[in-house]
Amino acid sequence: MPNHHSILGIVGHWATDGGQLVSAMLGFRRFFGSHSRANIAETLIKVLDTYQITSKLGYITTNNATNNDMALIKLSKLLALQNILFKPEIMRVRCFGHILNLVVK
C-alpha cells in the first residue's frame, strides 16, 4: 500500500422545500493511501453520516475511473448494513465534462 495521503472532495446538491437549488462543499477529506474503492466508500459514508443525510442519498456523479465503479459497489454494501438501498448501476451519473475533456484530448 502506498505511503501517502489522498483527498476526496464531496459536494452536495439539493433543492429546498421552496424549490431553491443549493450546492455546498460537504467534505474535503484526507485519508491514508490511494483512491481505492474501500477508501473512497468509507470516506464518503463517514461524511454522509456526519451530516445525517445517508438515507437521503440520491445520485452520485463521478469521473469514469474504474475505482469509482468499485467504490460505489462497496458503498452499496455499506449502505445495506443501514437498510438503505443504493443501486450503483442506476444511481451513478458519469460526469459529462470529464467525458468531453477526454474526447477533446
Protein backbone atom coordinates (compact mmCIF):
# COMPACT_ATOMS: atom_id res chain seq x y z
CA MET A 1 0.00 0.00 0.00
CA PRO A 2 1.41 3.42 -0.90
CA ASN A 3 2.66 5.54 1.97
CA HIS A 4 0.81 8.75 1.12
CA HIS A 5 -2.40 10.62 1.72
CA SER A 6 -5.22 11.18 -0.75
CA ILE A 7 -8.01 13.72 -0.72
CA LEU A 8 -11.67 13.22 -1.57
CA GLY A 9 -13.87 16.25 -2.25
CA ILE A 10 -17.60 15.79 -1.70
CA VAL A 11 -20.16 18.33 -2.92
CA GLY A 12 -23.88 18.04 -2.27
CA HIS A 13 -26.65 19.42 -4.49
CA TRP A 14 -30.29 19.57 -3.40
CA ALA A 15 -33.48 21.57 -3.61
CA THR A 16 -35.12 23.27 -0.64
CA ASP A 17 -38.81 22.84 0.14
CA GLY A 18 -39.31 26.12 -1.73
CA GLY A 19 -37.59 24.77 -4.83
CA GLN A 20 -34.34 26.74 -4.49
CA LEU A 21 -31.30 24.82 -5.77
CA VAL A 22 -28.43 24.63 -3.28
CA SER A 23 -24.85 23.38 -3.59
CA ALA A 24 -22.39 23.02 -0.73
CA MET A 25 -18.99 21.52 -0.04
CA LEU A 26 -19.75 18.71 2.40
CA GLY A 27 -16.27 17.39 2.79
CA PHE A 28 -12.71 17.74 1.69
CA ARG A 29 -11.35 14.71 3.47
CA ARG A 30 -7.80 13.42 3.61
CA PHE A 31 -7.24 9.70 4.07
CA PHE A 32 -4.22 7.45 4.15
CA GLY A 33 -3.44 5.53 0.99
CA SER A 34 -4.73 5.56 -2.55
CA HIS A 35 -8.12 6.29 -4.07
CA SER A 36 -9.11 2.65 -3.62
CA ARG A 37 -12.72 1.52 -3.58
CA ALA A 38 -12.63 0.92 0.18
CA ASN A 39 -11.06 4.30 0.98
CA ILE A 40 -13.50 6.20 -1.25
CA ALA A 41 -16.60 4.36 0.02
CA GLU A 42 -15.65 4.55 3.69
CA THR A 43 -14.76 8.24 3.45
CA LEU A 44 -17.98 9.04 1.61
CA ILE A 45 -20.19 7.23 4.11
CA LYS A 46 -18.46 8.98 7.04
CA VAL A 47 -19.31 12.36 5.50
CA LEU A 48 -22.92 11.32 4.80
CA ASP A 49 -23.29 10.02 8.36
CA THR A 50 -21.75 13.21 9.80
CA TYR A 51 -24.47 15.30 8.17
CA GLN A 52 -27.14 12.66 8.91
CA ILE A 53 -28.08 12.57 5.22
CA THR A 54 -27.14 8.99 4.43
CA SER A 55 -30.77 7.97 3.90
CA LYS A 56 -31.31 10.95 1.57
CA LEU A 57 -28.63 9.92 -0.90
CA GLY A 58 -29.89 10.12 -4.46
CA TYR A 59 -27.44 10.03 -7.34
CA ILE A 60 -23.65 10.24 -7.33
CA THR A 61 -21.63 11.88 -10.09
CA THR A 62 -18.01 10.78 -10.55
CA ASN A 63 -15.48 10.60 -13.32
CA ASN A 64 -15.19 7.39 -15.29
CA ALA A 65 -12.39 5.73 -13.32
CA THR A 66 -12.86 2.05 -12.55
CA ASN A 67 -12.10 2.63 -8.87
CA ASN A 68 -15.24 4.79 -8.68
CA ASP A 69 -17.35 1.95 -10.11
CA MET A 70 -15.94 -0.37 -7.48
CA ALA A 71 -16.27 2.25 -4.71
CA LEU A 72 -19.99 2.61 -5.38
CA ILE A 73 -20.44 -1.16 -5.22
CA LYS A 74 -18.65 -1.09 -1.85
CA LEU A 75 -20.79 1.89 -0.80
CA SER A 76 -23.98 -0.02 -1.67
CA LYS A 77 -22.85 -2.82 0.68
CA LEU A 78 -22.11 -0.35 3.49
CA LEU A 79 -25.49 1.31 2.97
CA ALA A 80 -27.23 -2.07 3.01
CA LEU A 81 -25.92 -2.50 6.57
CA GLN A 82 -28.04 0.57 7.40
CA ASN A 83 -31.02 -0.84 5.47
CA ILE A 84 -30.56 1.77 2.74
CA LEU A 85 -31.00 0.65 -0.86
CA PHE A 86 -28.44 2.10 -3.29
CA LYS A 87 -28.12 0.66 -6.78
CA PRO A 88 -24.85 1.92 -8.28
CA GLU A 89 -25.71 0.72 -11.79
CA ILE A 90 -28.70 3.07 -11.78
CA MET A 91 -27.72 5.80 -9.31
CA ARG A 92 -24.29 6.68 -10.71
CA VAL A 93 -24.04 9.54 -13.16
CA ARG A 94 -20.88 9.82 -15.21
CA CYS A 95 -19.51 13.35 -15.41
CA PHE A 96 -20.16 14.65 -18.93
CA GLY A 97 -17.49 17.35 -18.51
CA HIS A 98 -14.88 14.66 -17.84
CA ILE A 99 -16.03 12.60 -20.81
CA LEU A 100 -15.93 15.65 -23.07
CA ASN A 101 -12.45 16.56 -21.86
CA LEU A 102 -11.20 13.05 -22.67
CA VAL A 103 -12.73 13.23 -26.17
CA VAL A 104 -11.16 16.62 -26.90
CA LYS A 105 -7.72 15.46 -25.78
